[in-house]
PDB file of N, CA and C in Angstrom:
ATOM      1  N   UNK A   1      -2.118  32.439  68.208  1.00  0.00           N
ATOM      2  CA  UNK A   1      -2.639  31.910  66.970  1.00  0.00           C
ATOM      3  C   UNK A   1      -1.723  32.257  65.788  1.00  0.00           C
ATOM      4  N   UNK A   2      -1.217  33.505  65.778  1.00  0.00           N
ATOM      5  CA  UNK A   2      -0.309  33.908  64.708  1.00  0.00           C
ATOM      6  C   UNK A   2       0.970  33.081  64.729  1.00  0.00           C
ATOM      7  N   UNK A   3       1.455  32.774  65.920  1.00  0.00           N
ATOM      8  CA  UNK A   3       2.676  31.976  66.049  1.00  0.00           C
ATOM      9  C   UNK A   3       2.457  30.578  65.498  1.00  0.00           C
ATOM     10  N   UNK A   4       1.344  29.962  65.813  1.00  0.00           N
ATOM     11  CA  UNK A   4       1.029  28.634  65.305  1.00  0.00           C
ATOM     12  C   UNK A   4       0.925  28.642  63.783  1.00  0.00           C
ATOM     13  N   UNK A   5       0.269  29.645  63.240  1.00  0.00           N
ATOM     14  CA  UNK A   5       0.159  29.774  61.787  1.00  0.00           C
ATOM     15  C   UNK A   5       1.536  29.934  61.149  1.00  0.00           C
ATOM     16  N   UNK A   6       2.401  30.749  61.750  1.00  0.00           N
ATOM     17  CA  UNK A   6       3.746  30.971  61.223  1.00  0.00           C
ATOM     18  C   UNK A   6       4.565  29.687  61.246  1.00  0.00           C
ATOM     19  N   UNK A   7       4.450  28.936  62.318  1.00  0.00           N
ATOM     20  CA  UNK A   7       5.200  27.678  62.428  1.00  0.00           C
ATOM     21  C   UNK A   7       4.710  26.673  61.390  1.00  0.00           C
ATOM     22  N   UNK A   8       3.408  26.543  61.236  1.00  0.00           N
ATOM     23  CA  UNK A   8       2.864  25.613  60.249  1.00  0.00           C
ATOM     24  C   UNK A   8       3.237  26.017  58.825  1.00  0.00           C
ATOM     25  N   UNK A   9       3.185  27.292  58.535  1.00  0.00           N
ATOM     26  CA  UNK A   9       3.562  27.775  57.215  1.00  0.00           C
ATOM     27  C   UNK A   9       5.032  27.484  56.929  1.00  0.00           C
ATOM     28  N   UNK A  10       5.895  27.757  57.886  1.00  0.00           N
ATOM     29  CA  UNK A  10       7.328  27.488  57.714  1.00  0.00           C
ATOM     30  C   UNK A  10       7.581  26.005  57.499  1.00  0.00           C
ATOM     31  N   UNK A  11       6.895  25.159  58.252  1.00  0.00           N
ATOM     32  CA  UNK A  11       7.061  23.718  58.099  1.00  0.00           C
ATOM     33  C   UNK A  11       6.658  23.258  56.705  1.00  0.00           C
ATOM     34  N   UNK A  12       5.539  23.742  56.217  1.00  0.00           N
ATOM     35  CA  UNK A  12       5.058  23.351  54.887  1.00  0.00           C
ATOM     36  C   UNK A  12       6.021  23.818  53.801  1.00  0.00           C
ATOM     37  N   UNK A  13       6.479  25.042  53.889  1.00  0.00           N
ATOM     38  CA  UNK A  13       7.401  25.572  52.882  1.00  0.00           C
ATOM     39  C   UNK A  13       8.699  24.791  52.876  1.00  0.00           C
ATOM     40  N   UNK A  14       9.255  24.524  54.044  1.00  0.00           N
ATOM     41  CA  UNK A  14      10.516  23.793  54.116  1.00  0.00           C
ATOM     42  C   UNK A  14      10.368  22.355  53.654  1.00  0.00           C
ATOM     43  N   UNK A  15       9.291  21.712  53.988  1.00  0.00           N
ATOM     44  CA  UNK A  15       9.125  20.319  53.590  1.00  0.00           C
ATOM     45  C   UNK A  15       8.868  20.189  52.094  1.00  0.00           C
ATOM     46  N   UNK A  16       8.223  21.152  51.488  1.00  0.00           N
ATOM     47  CA  UNK A  16       7.950  21.079  50.051  1.00  0.00           C
ATOM     48  C   UNK A  16       9.138  21.509  49.211  1.00  0.00           C
ATOM     49  N   UNK A  17       9.814  22.564  49.606  1.00  0.00           N
ATOM     50  CA  UNK A  17      10.864  23.108  48.745  1.00  0.00           C
ATOM     51  C   UNK A  17      12.186  22.390  48.881  1.00  0.00           C
ATOM     52  N   UNK A  18      12.489  21.834  50.006  1.00  0.00           N
ATOM     53  CA  UNK A  18      13.797  21.234  50.189  1.00  0.00           C
ATOM     54  C   UNK A  18      13.850  19.742  50.044  1.00  0.00           C
ATOM     55  N   UNK A  19      12.749  19.083  49.844  1.00  0.00           N
ATOM     56  CA  UNK A  19      12.735  17.632  49.888  1.00  0.00           C
ATOM     57  C   UNK A  19      13.474  16.989  48.727  1.00  0.00           C
ATOM     58  N   UNK A  20      13.357  17.500  47.516  1.00  0.00           N
ATOM     59  CA  UNK A  20      13.966  16.823  46.393  1.00  0.00           C
ATOM     60  C   UNK A  20      15.301  17.381  45.959  1.00  0.00           C
ATOM     61  N   UNK A  21      15.616  18.596  46.327  1.00  0.00           N
ATOM     62  CA  UNK A  21      16.793  19.239  45.790  1.00  0.00           C
ATOM     63  C   UNK A  21      18.096  18.583  46.243  1.00  0.00           C
ATOM     64  N   UNK A  22      18.205  18.200  47.493  1.00  0.00           N
ATOM     65  CA  UNK A  22      19.455  17.621  47.967  1.00  0.00           C
ATOM     66  C   UNK A  22      19.640  16.203  47.454  1.00  0.00           C
ATOM     67  N   UNK A  23      18.548  15.520  47.111  1.00  0.00           N
ATOM     68  CA  UNK A  23      18.631  14.155  46.619  1.00  0.00           C
ATOM     69  C   UNK A  23      18.876  14.093  45.117  1.00  0.00           C
ATOM     70  N   UNK A  24      18.751  15.184  44.425  1.00  0.00           N
ATOM     71  CA  UNK A  24      18.931  15.216  42.993  1.00  0.00           C
ATOM     72  C   UNK A  24      17.605  15.369  42.278  1.00  0.00           C
ATOM     73  N   UNK A  25      17.676  15.449  40.975  1.00  0.00           N
ATOM     74  CA  UNK A  25      16.507  15.596  40.129  1.00  0.00           C
ATOM     75  C   UNK A  25      16.597  14.578  39.006  1.00  0.00           C
ATOM     76  N   UNK A  26      15.504  14.420  38.298  1.00  0.00           N
ATOM     77  CA  UNK A  26      15.434  13.437  37.218  1.00  0.00           C
ATOM     78  C   UNK A  26      15.310  14.162  35.882  1.00  0.00           C
ATOM     79  N   UNK A  27      16.038  13.648  34.899  1.00  0.00           N
ATOM     80  CA  UNK A  27      15.968  14.204  33.555  1.00  0.00           C
ATOM     81  C   UNK A  27      15.771  13.078  32.551  1.00  0.00           C
ATOM     82  N   UNK A  28      15.167  13.418  31.439  1.00  0.00           N
ATOM     83  CA  UNK A  28      15.084  12.511  30.305  1.00  0.00           C
ATOM     84  C   UNK A  28      16.279  12.830  29.409  1.00  0.00           C
ATOM     85  N   UNK A  29      17.068  11.821  29.109  1.00  0.00           N
ATOM     86  CA  UNK A  29      18.256  12.034  28.287  1.00  0.00           C
ATOM     87  C   UNK A  29      17.839  11.930  26.824  1.00  0.00           C
ATOM     88  N   UNK A  30      17.372  13.052  26.301  1.00  0.00           N
ATOM     89  CA  UNK A  30      16.889  13.151  24.934  1.00  0.00           C
ATOM     90  C   UNK A  30      17.172  14.563  24.431  1.00  0.00           C
ATOM     91  N   UNK A  31      17.405  14.702  23.145  1.00  0.00           N
ATOM     92  CA  UNK A  31      17.668  16.030  22.585  1.00  0.00           C
ATOM     93  C   UNK A  31      16.460  16.956  22.722  1.00  0.00           C
ATOM     94  N   UNK A  32      15.267  16.417  22.715  1.00  0.00           N
ATOM     95  CA  UNK A  32      14.059  17.228  22.796  1.00  0.00           C
ATOM     96  C   UNK A  32      13.622  17.568  24.213  1.00  0.00           C
ATOM     97  N   UNK A  33      14.236  16.942  25.203  1.00  0.00           N
ATOM     98  CA  UNK A  33      13.838  17.183  26.595  1.00  0.00           C
ATOM     99  C   UNK A  33      14.365  18.538  27.055  1.00  0.00           C
ATOM    100  N   UNK A  34      13.601  19.219  27.892  1.00  0.00           N
ATOM    101  CA  UNK A  34      13.995  20.553  28.332  1.00  0.00           C
ATOM    102  C   UNK A  34      13.850  20.778  29.829  1.00  0.00           C
ATOM    103  N   UNK A  35      13.288  19.817  30.572  1.00  0.00           N
ATOM    104  CA  UNK A  35      12.962  20.053  31.978  1.00  0.00           C
ATOM    105  C   UNK A  35      13.651  19.043  32.888  1.00  0.00           C
ATOM    106  N   UNK A  36      13.787  19.454  34.150  1.00  0.00           N
ATOM    107  CA  UNK A  36      14.172  18.504  35.197  1.00  0.00           C
ATOM    108  C   UNK A  36      12.983  18.345  36.124  1.00  0.00           C
ATOM    109  N   UNK A  37      12.946  17.211  36.818  1.00  0.00           N
ATOM    110  CA  UNK A  37      11.794  16.837  37.618  1.00  0.00           C
ATOM    111  C   UNK A  37      12.254  16.418  39.005  1.00  0.00           C
ATOM    112  N   UNK A  38      11.582  16.915  40.031  1.00  0.00           N
ATOM    113  CA  UNK A  38      11.902  16.529  41.403  1.00  0.00           C
ATOM    114  C   UNK A  38      11.307  15.173  41.752  1.00  0.00           C
ATOM    115  N   UNK A  39      10.278  14.774  41.048  1.00  0.00           N
ATOM    116  CA  UNK A  39       9.570  13.533  41.326  1.00  0.00           C
ATOM    117  C   UNK A  39       9.721  12.600  40.130  1.00  0.00           C
ATOM    118  N   UNK A  40      10.184  11.390  40.381  1.00  0.00           N
ATOM    119  CA  UNK A  40      10.382  10.428  39.299  1.00  0.00           C
ATOM    120  C   UNK A  40       9.065   9.990  38.667  1.00  0.00           C
ATOM    121  N   UNK A  41       7.947  10.218  39.348  1.00  0.00           N
ATOM    122  CA  UNK A  41       6.640   9.835  38.832  1.00  0.00           C
ATOM    123  C   UNK A  41       5.908  10.991  38.148  1.00  0.00           C
ATOM    124  N   UNK A  42       6.593  12.072  37.864  1.00  0.00           N
ATOM    125  CA  UNK A  42       5.981  13.239  37.233  1.00  0.00           C
ATOM    126  C   UNK A  42       5.416  12.863  35.865  1.00  0.00           C
ATOM    127  N   UNK A  43       4.263  13.433  35.539  1.00  0.00           N
ATOM    128  CA  UNK A  43       3.633  13.166  34.255  1.00  0.00           C
ATOM    129  C   UNK A  43       4.491  13.572  33.069  1.00  0.00           C
ATOM    130  N   UNK A  44       5.249  14.653  33.219  1.00  0.00           N
ATOM    131  CA  UNK A  44       6.138  15.081  32.145  1.00  0.00           C
ATOM    132  C   UNK A  44       7.261  14.093  31.905  1.00  0.00           C
ATOM    133  N   UNK A  45       7.763  13.522  32.959  1.00  0.00           N
ATOM    134  CA  UNK A  45       8.854  12.552  32.845  1.00  0.00           C
ATOM    135  C   UNK A  45       8.340  11.204  32.345  1.00  0.00           C
ATOM    136  N   UNK A  46       7.104  10.906  32.613  1.00  0.00           N
ATOM    137  CA  UNK A  46       6.524   9.635  32.151  1.00  0.00           C
ATOM    138  C   UNK A  46       6.432   9.563  30.636  1.00  0.00           C
ATOM    139  N   UNK A  47       6.476  10.706  29.958  1.00  0.00           N
ATOM    140  CA  UNK A  47       6.428  10.714  28.496  1.00  0.00           C
ATOM    141  C   UNK A  47       7.785  10.433  27.860  1.00  0.00           C
ATOM    142  N   UNK A  48       8.836  10.321  28.667  1.00  0.00           N
ATOM    143  CA  UNK A  48      10.187  10.095  28.152  1.00  0.00           C
ATOM    144  C   UNK A  48      10.292   8.706  27.530  1.00  0.00           C
ATOM    145  N   UNK A  49      10.765   8.654  26.288  1.00  0.00           N
ATOM    146  CA  UNK A  49      10.972   7.371  25.615  1.00  0.00           C
ATOM    147  C   UNK A  49      12.448   6.992  25.583  1.00  0.00           C
ATOM    148  N   UNK A  50      13.287   7.801  26.219  1.00  0.00           N
ATOM    149  CA  UNK A  50      14.714   7.539  26.304  1.00  0.00           C
ATOM    150  C   UNK A  50      15.080   7.197  27.744  1.00  0.00           C
ATOM    151  N   UNK A  51      16.348   7.215  28.040  1.00  0.00           N
ATOM    152  CA  UNK A  51      16.823   6.917  29.391  1.00  0.00           C
ATOM    153  C   UNK A  51      16.460   8.038  30.364  1.00  0.00           C
ATOM    154  N   UNK A  52      16.043   7.686  31.573  1.00  0.00           N
ATOM    155  CA  UNK A  52      15.809   8.639  32.650  1.00  0.00           C
ATOM    156  C   UNK A  52      17.010   8.549  33.581  1.00  0.00           C
ATOM    157  N   UNK A  53      17.602   9.689  33.884  1.00  0.00           N
ATOM    158  CA  UNK A  53      18.820   9.718  34.702  1.00  0.00           C
ATOM    159  C   UNK A  53      18.616  10.644  35.895  1.00  0.00           C
ATOM    160  N   UNK A  54      19.141  10.228  37.035  1.00  0.00           N
ATOM    161  CA  UNK A  54      19.107  11.063  38.239  1.00  0.00           C
ATOM    162  C   UNK A  54      20.431  11.817  38.319  1.00  0.00           C
ATOM    163  N   UNK A  55      20.347  13.146  38.390  1.00  0.00           N
ATOM    164  CA  UNK A  55      21.531  14.006  38.438  1.00  0.00           C
ATOM    165  C   UNK A  55      21.318  15.075  39.500  1.00  0.00           C
ATOM    166  N   UNK A  56      22.369  15.804  39.806  1.00  0.00           N
ATOM    167  CA  UNK A  56      22.227  16.909  40.751  1.00  0.00           C
ATOM    168  C   UNK A  56      21.482  18.060  40.072  1.00  0.00           C
ATOM    169  N   UNK A  57      20.888  18.913  40.869  1.00  0.00           N
ATOM    170  CA  UNK A  57      20.175  20.067  40.334  1.00  0.00           C
ATOM    171  C   UNK A  57      21.117  20.947  39.522  1.00  0.00           C
ATOM    172  N   UNK A  58      22.313  21.160  40.030  1.00  0.00           N
ATOM    173  CA  UNK A  58      23.296  21.992  39.330  1.00  0.00           C
ATOM    174  C   UNK A  58      23.673  21.388  37.980  1.00  0.00           C
ATOM    175  N   UNK A  59      23.843  20.063  37.934  1.00  0.00           N
ATOM    176  CA  UNK A  59      24.186  19.397  36.685  1.00  0.00           C
ATOM    177  C   UNK A  59      23.042  19.518  35.674  1.00  0.00           C
ATOM    178  N   UNK A  60      21.814  19.353  36.147  1.00  0.00           N
ATOM    179  CA  UNK A  60      20.657  19.465  35.253  1.00  0.00           C
ATOM    180  C   UNK A  60      20.576  20.864  34.640  1.00  0.00           C
ATOM    181  N   UNK A  61      20.838  21.883  35.450  1.00  0.00           N
ATOM    182  CA  UNK A  61      20.747  23.256  34.963  1.00  0.00           C
ATOM    183  C   UNK A  61      21.957  23.652  34.120  1.00  0.00           C
ATOM    184  N   UNK A  62      23.148  23.368  34.597  1.00  0.00           N
ATOM    185  CA  UNK A  62      24.359  23.869  33.950  1.00  0.00           C
ATOM    186  C   UNK A  62      24.862  22.998  32.802  1.00  0.00           C
ATOM    187  N   UNK A  63      24.874  21.683  32.978  1.00  0.00           N
ATOM    188  CA  UNK A  63      25.425  20.803  31.950  1.00  0.00           C
ATOM    189  C   UNK A  63      24.391  20.394  30.905  1.00  0.00           C
ATOM    190  N   UNK A  64      23.142  20.236  31.340  1.00  0.00           N
ATOM    191  CA  UNK A  64      22.094  19.812  30.415  1.00  0.00           C
ATOM    192  C   UNK A  64      21.188  20.955  29.963  1.00  0.00           C
ATOM    193  N   UNK A  65      21.300  22.124  30.612  1.00  0.00           N
ATOM    194  CA  UNK A  65      20.497  23.280  30.233  1.00  0.00           C
ATOM    195  C   UNK A  65      19.013  23.111  30.500  1.00  0.00           C
ATOM    196  N   UNK A  66      18.664  22.371  31.526  1.00  0.00           N
ATOM    197  CA  UNK A  66      17.257  22.084  31.812  1.00  0.00           C
ATOM    198  C   UNK A  66      16.659  23.133  32.733  1.00  0.00           C
ATOM    199  N   UNK A  67      15.339  23.305  32.627  1.00  0.00           N
ATOM    200  CA  UNK A  67      14.562  24.218  33.461  1.00  0.00           C
ATOM    201  C   UNK A  67      13.602  23.374  34.304  1.00  0.00           C
ATOM    202  N   UNK A  68      13.054  23.982  35.337  1.00  0.00           N
ATOM    203  CA  UNK A  68      12.117  23.271  36.201  1.00  0.00           C
ATOM    204  C   UNK A  68      10.870  22.871  35.426  1.00  0.00           C
ATOM    205  N   UNK A  69      10.351  21.695  35.725  1.00  0.00           N
ATOM    206  CA  UNK A  69       9.117  21.207  35.106  1.00  0.00           C
ATOM    207  C   UNK A  69       7.954  22.078  35.532  1.00  0.00           C
ATOM    208  N   UNK A  70       7.092  22.414  34.637  1.00  0.00           N
ATOM    209  CA  UNK A  70       5.937  23.247  34.948  1.00  0.00           C
ATOM    210  C   UNK A  70       4.767  22.468  35.546  1.00  0.00           C
ATOM    211  N   UNK A  71       4.839  21.139  35.570  1.00  0.00           N
ATOM    212  CA  UNK A  71       3.757  20.330  36.107  1.00  0.00           C
ATOM    213  C   UNK A  71       3.888  20.100  37.606  1.00  0.00           C
ATOM    214  N   UNK A  72       5.063  20.294  38.139  1.00  0.00           N
ATOM    215  CA  UNK A  72       5.279  20.020  39.568  1.00  0.00           C
ATOM    216  C   UNK A  72       5.078  21.259  40.395  1.00  0.00           C
TER     217      UNK A  72
END
């Protein structure tokens, strides 16, 4: 039973944490924007009135100075 629980837990963690990072993240290209989003349908990103751009996680953090969205 412990083995089954461990396998299911590992599967859930890997599927949730790794799914969006390799594909990139979404940012709102605005001076007031501060977050990056793993999901293009995120409520925080839906408030963007400027261009939405898909970039790498590293680019969002290092070049744009963005932090992870608190809604996801």
